[in-house]
Amino acid sequence: MIEVKRAMQTKNDQRKGERGAVLALSTIAMLSLLLATGLAVDISHFYSVKAEMQNASDTAAVAAASRLNSTAGGIRSAVAEATKVLNKYDFNNNNVVVIGADVSFATNLNGVYVDQATAETTATSIRFVKVTIPPKPFNVTFAAIAISRTQNLGATATAGMSVGLTMNKFYSAYTFVEPSATPFVPGQVYTLSPKDWNNNSPTSYRILSYSGGDMVATGSIHAYGTIGTSYNVAHLTGQSPAGNLTAPSMCRYAQIGTNTRFGDYTVHPSANNVDEPPDTIIDETITYSQYTMMQGNGVVQRADGMPNRRLMTLPISKQSGYDTSAGAVTADDLGLFFIRKKVGTDCNLVVEYVPNQVSVPVGTYTPGQPQIGGLSIPVLYK
C-alpha cells in the first residue's frame, strides 16, 4: 500500500514537472514570436525610412537639375531648389534638411563632383548635380536589444541633363526666319520685325497657326517641335492698319503674347496675370546672363510671376525654307531665346539667342532623329 502511494506521488510530481516545462517552453516561444514580430516591424521601419530618404534625395536632385542652364546663376538656382524642404521622413515626423554643402556638381556623370563655388567658375560645362543627404537619426524599438536604439540613414541621388532632344514641346507661337547664308548664332542679340504671312524676308518673326485658328503667343496652346517639321503661318499682315492698331496682325499678337510676360496688360482688355502671368523678373535693361544671376540670387520683382516666362523655345526657319504661297515654314532648328524687352509701337521683338545647354521642362529623344542643339531635360541617373 505504501509502495502504491509512493508510485502515485512520483507520477504526480512528474506531471507537475512536465506542466512546468511546457509553461516555460510556451513562454520562450511567445517571447520569440513577439521578438520576431518586433524585428519585422523594425526592419519594415528601416526600409520605410530608407525609401523616404531616397525619395527626398531624388526629388532634390531632379529639382536642381531642372535649373541647370550653363551659367553661374543656374548653379545658384540649382542649389536653391535642392535645399527647399520638400519631403519628410520617419512617418512624416521630421523634415529632410538639405544644405548647400550637400549639393555638388560635375561635368561628367562619373567624374569629379565639386562644390557650388567651384562649379560657378566652370558653369558652362556643368551637366550633373549630386545631392547627398547625410545620415539622419530615427528610433528602433525591438532591435534595440541587439543594436543601438537610435539609428542613422542617409541617401544619395544624381541627376543631370539628358542628351540633346529630338522633340521639344513649346508654347510660344512664334517662328523666327533667319537668312539662309548667315544663320542665327547662339549668344547674339537680334532685333526682329514682323512681316506679312506671304513674305519670306529674313531676320523677322511670324505668328504660327494651328487647326483651331491663330496661335496667340500667350495661351496654353502648344506644339511639338522637331527639326524638319512644317508649320503653318497665320494669314496675317505684319502690322495693323494705322487707323486700327488693335486689328489682328503679327505685331498685335506679338504685343499680347510678349508684353504680358513683363506684367503689361494694357495691350488687351481680357489679359490678366492669372491666365498670362508675368515673369518674376521684368527688368528690360538686362542680359540673359544678368537675368540668370538675378534668379540665382533670389530676386523677385513680381510676386505674382512665374520663373522663365521670358524664355521661349521655338522653331527657326531658313528664308529658303519659307513657302510663301502656302504660308508655311520648315523648322531648320529649334532654339531657346530670352526676350529682352516688350514689343513697342515699332513692333520689333528684341531677343537674345541663349548660347549654352539648358534644361527645359518637356521633350524627348528618339534615336536616329536630328537632335536640337542646346536643349535637354532633367533626368534622374542614379
Protein backbone atom coordinates (compact mmCIF):
# COMPACT_ATOMS: atom_id res chain seq x y z
CA MET A 1 0.00 0.00 0.00
CA ILE A 2 2.83 2.37 0.88
CA GLU A 3 4.64 1.50 -2.37
CA VAL A 4 1.48 2.26 -4.41
CA LYS A 5 1.16 5.68 -2.77
CA ARG A 6 4.83 6.39 -3.45
CA ALA A 7 4.39 5.45 -7.12
CA MET A 8 1.33 7.69 -7.45
CA GLN A 9 3.18 10.57 -5.78
CA THR A 10 6.12 10.13 -8.12
CA LYS A 11 3.82 10.17 -11.15
CA ASN A 12 2.11 13.34 -9.89
CA ASP A 13 5.49 15.00 -9.39
CA GLN A 14 6.48 14.07 -12.94
CA ARG A 15 3.26 15.56 -14.32
CA LYS A 16 3.85 18.78 -12.39
CA GLY A 17 7.37 18.92 -13.83
CA GLU A 18 6.08 18.39 -17.33
CA ARG A 19 3.49 21.12 -16.87
CA GLY A 20 6.24 23.46 -15.67
CA ALA A 21 8.43 22.61 -18.67
CA VAL A 22 5.55 23.21 -21.11
CA LEU A 23 4.84 26.56 -19.47
CA ALA A 24 8.48 27.59 -19.75
CA LEU A 25 8.69 26.48 -23.37
CA SER A 26 5.45 28.31 -24.17
CA THR A 27 6.77 31.46 -22.55
CA ILE A 28 10.01 31.26 -24.53
CA ALA A 29 8.09 30.60 -27.74
CA MET A 30 5.78 33.53 -27.10
CA LEU A 31 8.73 35.84 -26.37
CA SER A 32 10.48 34.63 -29.51
CA LEU A 33 7.36 35.29 -31.57
CA LEU A 34 6.98 38.75 -30.10
CA LEU A 35 10.67 39.48 -30.74
CA ALA A 36 10.41 38.23 -34.32
CA THR A 37 7.31 40.37 -34.87
CA GLY A 38 9.07 43.36 -33.36
CA LEU A 39 12.14 42.80 -35.51
CA ALA A 40 9.89 42.60 -38.58
CA VAL A 41 8.34 45.93 -37.59
CA ASP A 42 11.78 47.48 -37.14
CA ILE A 43 13.03 46.09 -40.44
CA SER A 44 9.95 47.49 -42.14
CA HIS A 45 10.72 50.79 -40.44
CA PHE A 46 14.28 50.63 -41.80
CA TYR A 47 13.02 50.17 -45.36
CA SER A 48 10.38 52.86 -44.96
CA VAL A 49 12.86 55.45 -43.71
CA LYS A 50 15.38 54.50 -46.40
CA ALA A 51 12.71 54.88 -49.09
CA GLU A 52 11.64 58.25 -47.69
CA MET A 53 15.24 59.47 -47.62
CA GLN A 54 15.86 58.23 -51.16
CA ASN A 55 12.69 59.90 -52.42
CA ALA A 56 13.84 63.14 -50.83
CA SER A 57 17.29 62.99 -52.42
CA ASP A 58 15.82 62.00 -55.81
CA THR A 59 13.38 64.91 -55.69
CA ALA A 60 16.06 67.39 -54.68
CA ALA A 61 18.46 66.21 -57.38
CA VAL A 62 15.90 66.39 -60.19
CA ALA A 63 14.70 69.81 -59.00
CA ALA A 64 18.29 71.04 -59.01
CA ALA A 65 18.98 69.58 -62.45
CA SER A 66 15.92 71.37 -63.84
CA ARG A 67 17.65 74.69 -63.11
CA LEU A 68 20.97 73.90 -64.81
CA ASN A 69 21.50 76.29 -67.70
CA SER A 70 25.29 76.52 -68.13
CA THR A 71 25.50 79.77 -66.14
CA ALA A 72 26.71 80.65 -62.64
CA GLY A 73 23.21 81.86 -61.88
CA GLY A 74 21.90 78.44 -62.85
CA ILE A 75 24.24 76.81 -60.34
CA ARG A 76 22.87 79.08 -57.62
CA SER A 77 19.29 78.35 -58.66
CA ALA A 78 20.05 74.63 -58.60
CA VAL A 79 21.29 74.86 -55.01
CA ALA A 80 18.25 76.92 -54.04
CA GLU A 81 15.90 74.29 -55.49
CA ALA A 82 17.75 71.37 -53.89
CA THR A 83 17.73 72.95 -50.44
CA LYS A 84 13.99 73.57 -50.27
CA VAL A 85 12.15 71.48 -47.67
CA LEU A 86 10.33 69.06 -49.98
CA ASN A 87 9.95 65.83 -48.02
CA LYS A 88 9.64 64.36 -44.56
CA TYR A 89 10.85 61.07 -43.14
CA ASP A 90 10.18 58.75 -40.19
CA PHE A 91 6.43 58.59 -40.81
CA ASN A 92 6.33 62.30 -41.76
CA ASN A 93 7.57 63.37 -38.36
CA ASN A 94 10.83 65.02 -39.46
CA ASN A 95 11.86 67.31 -42.30
CA VAL A 96 14.62 66.19 -44.64
CA VAL A 97 17.00 69.13 -44.50
CA VAL A 98 19.43 69.62 -47.38
CA ILE A 99 22.04 72.37 -47.14
CA GLY A 100 24.27 73.86 -49.81
CA ALA A 101 27.21 71.70 -48.77
CA ASP A 102 25.15 68.60 -49.61
CA VAL A 103 24.92 69.64 -53.28
CA SER A 104 27.79 69.08 -55.71
CA PHE A 105 28.28 69.37 -59.47
CA ALA A 106 30.19 67.66 -62.27
CA THR A 107 30.83 67.85 -65.99
CA ASN A 108 30.61 64.07 -66.43
CA LEU A 109 28.26 61.62 -64.70
CA ASN A 110 31.09 59.57 -63.19
CA GLY A 111 33.51 62.46 -62.96
CA VAL A 112 34.75 64.53 -60.03
CA TYR A 113 31.99 66.41 -58.20
CA VAL A 114 32.81 69.89 -56.91
CA ASP A 115 31.13 72.38 -54.59
CA GLN A 116 28.97 75.32 -55.60
CA ALA A 117 31.74 77.93 -55.61
CA THR A 118 33.95 75.82 -57.89
CA ALA A 119 31.03 74.91 -60.15
CA GLU A 120 30.18 78.58 -60.70
CA THR A 121 33.63 79.15 -62.20
CA THR A 122 33.10 76.34 -64.75
CA ALA A 123 29.33 76.68 -65.15
CA THR A 124 29.32 76.39 -68.96
CA SER A 125 30.45 72.75 -68.71
CA ILE A 126 28.38 71.62 -65.70
CA ARG A 127 25.84 68.95 -66.65
CA PHE A 128 25.20 66.90 -63.48
CA VAL A 129 24.26 67.53 -59.86
CA LYS A 130 24.51 65.19 -56.88
CA VAL A 131 22.54 65.55 -53.65
CA THR A 132 23.94 63.70 -50.65
CA ILE A 133 21.68 63.66 -47.62
CA PRO A 134 23.85 62.96 -44.54
CA PRO A 135 22.63 60.21 -42.18
CA LYS A 136 19.56 61.27 -40.22
CA PRO A 137 18.52 59.70 -36.88
CA PHE A 138 15.45 57.58 -36.28
CA ASN A 139 14.49 55.29 -33.42
CA VAL A 140 14.07 51.50 -33.37
CA THR A 141 12.24 49.51 -30.71
CA PHE A 142 12.76 45.76 -30.57
CA ALA A 143 16.04 45.82 -32.49
CA ALA A 144 17.47 47.97 -29.71
CA ILE A 145 18.08 44.69 -27.83
CA ALA A 146 20.87 43.90 -30.28
CA ILE A 147 21.80 47.35 -31.66
CA SER A 148 21.61 50.96 -30.54
CA ARG A 149 18.12 52.37 -30.09
CA THR A 150 18.93 55.30 -32.42
CA GLN A 151 19.98 54.50 -35.98
CA ASN A 152 21.05 56.74 -38.87
CA LEU A 153 20.26 56.50 -42.57
CA GLY A 154 21.19 58.78 -45.48
CA ALA A 155 20.77 58.78 -49.24
CA THR A 156 22.43 59.99 -52.43
CA ALA A 157 20.94 60.82 -55.83
CA THR A 158 22.45 62.10 -59.07
CA ALA A 159 20.52 63.90 -61.79
CA GLY A 160 21.52 65.93 -64.78
CA MET A 161 20.90 67.00 -68.33
CA SER A 162 19.77 64.45 -70.88
CA VAL A 163 21.30 64.02 -74.28
CA GLY A 164 20.19 66.58 -76.84
CA LEU A 165 16.46 66.35 -77.52
CA THR A 166 14.87 65.43 -80.82
CA MET A 167 11.48 66.87 -79.80
CA ASN A 168 10.63 69.87 -77.66
CA LYS A 169 7.10 70.76 -76.62
CA PHE A 170 6.86 74.53 -77.00
CA TYR A 171 4.16 77.03 -76.05
CA SER A 172 5.32 80.16 -77.86
CA ALA A 173 3.52 80.76 -81.14
CA TYR A 174 6.47 82.29 -82.95
CA THR A 175 8.77 81.19 -85.70
CA PHE A 176 11.89 83.21 -86.48
CA VAL A 177 13.10 83.46 -90.06
CA GLU A 178 16.88 83.56 -90.49
CA PRO A 179 18.99 84.37 -93.56
CA SER A 180 19.87 81.16 -95.39
CA ALA A 181 23.51 82.16 -95.81
CA THR A 182 24.05 83.51 -92.29
CA PRO A 183 22.02 81.52 -89.72
CA PHE A 184 21.35 82.90 -86.27
CA VAL A 185 24.25 82.45 -83.87
CA PRO A 186 23.75 81.48 -80.20
CA GLY A 187 24.85 84.26 -77.88
CA GLN A 188 23.84 87.04 -80.25
CA VAL A 189 21.07 89.62 -79.84
CA TYR A 190 18.60 90.06 -82.68
CA THR A 191 16.02 92.73 -83.43
CA LEU A 192 13.26 91.02 -85.40
CA SER A 193 10.47 92.75 -87.29
CA PRO A 194 7.06 91.31 -88.27
CA LYS A 195 6.32 90.57 -91.92
CA ASP A 196 3.21 89.56 -93.82
CA TRP A 197 2.39 85.86 -93.95
CA ASN A 198 3.45 85.58 -97.62
CA ASN A 199 6.70 87.49 -97.21
CA ASN A 200 9.86 85.47 -96.54
CA SER A 201 12.13 88.36 -95.58
CA PRO A 202 14.71 87.17 -93.00
CA THR A 203 15.60 88.47 -89.53
CA SER A 204 11.92 88.60 -88.82
CA TYR A 205 9.17 86.83 -86.91
CA ARG A 206 5.78 85.32 -87.71
CA ILE A 207 2.87 84.05 -85.63
CA LEU A 208 2.03 80.38 -86.18
CA SER A 209 -1.44 78.93 -86.58
CA TYR A 210 -2.93 75.60 -85.60
CA SER A 211 -6.05 73.65 -86.50
CA GLY A 212 -8.30 75.82 -84.33
CA GLY A 213 -7.05 79.18 -85.57
CA ASP A 214 -4.19 81.53 -84.91
CA MET A 215 -1.89 80.69 -82.02
CA VAL A 216 -1.87 83.68 -79.69
CA ALA A 217 1.60 83.71 -78.23
CA THR A 218 0.47 83.80 -74.62
CA GLY A 219 -2.03 80.94 -74.29
CA SER A 220 -1.84 77.31 -73.23
CA ILE A 221 -1.83 76.08 -76.83
CA HIS A 222 1.29 74.11 -77.61
CA ALA A 223 3.03 72.38 -80.48
CA TYR A 224 5.62 69.63 -80.78
CA GLY A 225 8.84 70.95 -82.20
CA THR A 226 11.07 68.73 -84.31
CA ILE A 227 13.66 69.58 -86.91
CA GLY A 228 12.28 69.20 -90.42
CA THR A 229 8.64 69.66 -89.39
CA SER A 230 6.44 72.06 -91.38
CA TYR A 231 4.41 74.70 -89.52
CA ASN A 232 1.61 76.89 -90.83
CA VAL A 233 1.90 80.64 -90.53
CA ALA A 234 -1.15 82.65 -89.54
CA HIS A 235 -2.53 84.55 -92.52
CA LEU A 236 -1.94 87.97 -91.04
CA THR A 237 -0.31 91.18 -92.11
CA GLY A 238 2.86 92.23 -90.40
CA GLN A 239 1.32 95.28 -88.74
CA SER A 240 -2.19 96.52 -88.06
CA PRO A 241 -3.51 99.38 -90.19
CA ALA A 242 -2.56 102.82 -88.93
CA GLY A 243 -6.17 103.65 -88.16
CA ASN A 244 -6.89 100.40 -86.33
CA LEU A 245 -3.93 99.33 -84.20
CA THR A 246 -5.96 96.65 -82.43
CA ALA A 247 -6.74 94.78 -85.64
CA PRO A 248 -5.24 91.27 -85.79
CA SER A 249 -1.69 91.27 -87.10
CA MET A 250 1.69 89.68 -86.39
CA CYS A 251 2.62 92.73 -84.37
CA ARG A 252 -0.65 92.81 -82.40
CA TYR A 253 -0.38 89.17 -81.39
CA ALA A 254 3.28 89.64 -80.50
CA GLN A 255 2.42 92.54 -78.22
CA ILE A 256 -0.25 90.48 -76.44
CA GLY A 257 1.94 87.40 -76.10
CA THR A 258 5.13 89.21 -75.13
CA ASN A 259 4.17 92.25 -73.09
CA THR A 260 2.11 90.27 -70.60
CA ARG A 261 5.34 88.49 -69.68
CA PHE A 262 6.52 91.85 -68.37
CA GLY A 263 3.29 92.49 -66.46
CA ASP A 264 1.84 94.84 -69.09
CA TYR A 265 -1.86 94.03 -69.51
CA THR A 266 -2.86 97.19 -71.36
CA VAL A 267 -2.50 95.52 -74.75
CA HIS A 268 -5.69 93.50 -74.49
CA PRO A 269 -8.86 94.08 -72.42
CA SER A 270 -9.07 90.42 -71.37
CA ALA A 271 -5.40 89.99 -70.47
CA ASN A 272 -4.74 89.26 -66.79
CA ASN A 273 -2.00 87.95 -64.53
CA VAL A 274 -3.82 84.67 -63.84
CA ASP A 275 -4.11 83.44 -67.40
CA GLU A 276 -0.95 85.20 -68.55
CA PRO A 277 1.36 85.55 -65.53
CA PRO A 278 4.41 87.77 -65.84
CA ASP A 279 7.95 86.67 -65.25
CA THR A 280 9.28 87.11 -61.73
CA ILE A 281 11.93 89.45 -63.22
CA ILE A 282 10.69 92.17 -65.59
CA ASP A 283 13.72 94.49 -65.89
CA GLU A 284 14.03 95.40 -69.59
CA THR A 285 17.68 96.51 -69.38
CA ILE A 286 19.31 93.18 -68.54
CA THR A 287 21.06 90.45 -70.50
CA TYR A 288 20.36 86.73 -70.24
CA SER A 289 23.44 86.27 -68.04
CA GLN A 290 22.25 89.00 -65.68
CA TYR A 291 18.77 87.51 -65.66
CA THR A 292 20.01 84.06 -64.60
CA MET A 293 22.22 85.58 -61.91
CA MET A 294 19.27 87.54 -60.54
CA GLN A 295 17.29 84.30 -60.45
CA GLY A 296 20.15 82.58 -58.64
CA ASN A 297 20.27 85.39 -56.09
CA GLY A 298 16.55 85.05 -55.41
CA VAL A 299 15.48 88.38 -56.93
CA VAL A 300 11.70 88.65 -57.36
CA GLN A 301 10.30 91.79 -58.98
CA ARG A 302 6.81 90.39 -59.49
CA ALA A 303 5.45 88.25 -56.68
CA ASP A 304 2.60 87.10 -58.96
CA GLY A 305 5.06 85.94 -61.61
CA MET A 306 6.45 82.65 -62.84
CA PRO A 307 10.16 81.98 -63.42
CA ASN A 308 11.40 81.75 -67.02
CA ARG A 309 8.38 83.38 -68.67
CA ARG A 310 10.85 85.47 -70.64
CA LEU A 311 12.38 82.33 -72.12
CA MET A 312 10.78 80.64 -75.11
CA THR A 313 11.69 77.76 -77.37
CA LEU A 314 10.50 77.93 -80.95
CA PRO A 315 11.24 76.71 -84.47
CA ILE A 316 13.84 78.59 -86.51
CA SER A 317 13.24 78.61 -90.25
CA LYS A 318 15.61 79.47 -93.05
CA GLN A 319 14.48 82.04 -95.60
CA SER A 320 14.89 79.40 -98.32
CA GLY A 321 12.55 77.05 -96.47
CA TYR A 322 9.66 79.52 -96.36
CA ASP A 323 6.80 78.57 -98.69
CA THR A 324 5.21 81.94 -99.41
CA SER A 325 2.36 80.53 -101.48
CA ALA A 326 1.13 78.22 -98.75
CA GLY A 327 2.28 80.32 -95.80
CA ALA A 328 4.31 77.50 -94.27
CA VAL A 329 7.80 77.20 -92.85
CA THR A 330 10.07 74.23 -92.23
CA ALA A 331 11.98 74.12 -88.95
CA ASP A 332 15.71 74.05 -89.60
CA ASP A 333 16.33 74.01 -85.84
CA LEU A 334 14.69 74.86 -82.55
CA GLY A 335 16.23 77.42 -80.26
CA LEU A 336 15.82 78.97 -76.84
CA PHE A 337 15.52 82.76 -76.77
CA PHE A 338 15.48 85.33 -73.98
CA ILE A 339 13.08 88.23 -74.52
CA ARG A 340 14.98 91.43 -73.80
CA LYS A 341 12.05 93.86 -73.69
CA LYS A 342 8.40 94.45 -74.55
CA VAL A 343 7.18 94.85 -78.11
CA GLY A 344 6.61 98.55 -78.63
CA THR A 345 4.82 100.60 -81.26
CA ASP A 346 7.64 99.85 -83.71
CA CYS A 347 6.58 96.17 -83.44
CA ASN A 348 10.19 94.99 -83.08
CA LEU A 349 10.94 91.92 -80.99
CA VAL A 350 14.38 92.04 -79.34
CA VAL A 351 15.67 88.62 -78.30
CA GLU A 352 18.93 87.02 -77.20
CA TYR A 353 19.72 83.57 -78.57
CA VAL A 354 20.65 81.55 -75.46
CA PRO A 355 24.13 80.18 -76.15
CA ASN A 356 24.56 77.09 -73.97
CA GLN A 357 22.98 73.81 -72.96
CA VAL A 358 19.80 74.35 -70.95
CA SER A 359 17.28 72.10 -69.19
CA VAL A 360 13.72 72.61 -70.47
CA PRO A 361 10.54 71.12 -68.96
CA VAL A 362 9.31 68.82 -71.73
CA GLY A 363 10.98 66.94 -74.55
CA THR A 364 12.01 63.54 -75.83
CA TYR A 365 14.91 61.84 -77.53
CA THR A 366 14.39 59.40 -80.39
CA PRO A 367 17.48 57.61 -81.75
CA GLY A 368 18.16 58.37 -85.39
CA GLN A 369 16.29 61.67 -85.37
CA PRO A 370 18.15 65.02 -85.68
CA GLN A 371 19.00 66.50 -82.30
CA ILE A 372 18.11 70.01 -81.25
CA GLY A 373 21.19 71.95 -80.24
CA GLY A 374 21.26 73.22 -76.68
CA LEU A 375 18.05 71.68 -75.30
CA SER A 376 17.89 68.89 -72.69
CA ILE A 377 15.51 67.72 -69.99
CA PRO A 378 16.40 66.87 -66.37
CA VAL A 379 16.97 63.14 -65.84
CA LEU A 380 17.47 61.11 -62.64
CA TYR A 381 20.51 58.93 -63.33
CA LYS A 382 21.22 57.20 -60.03
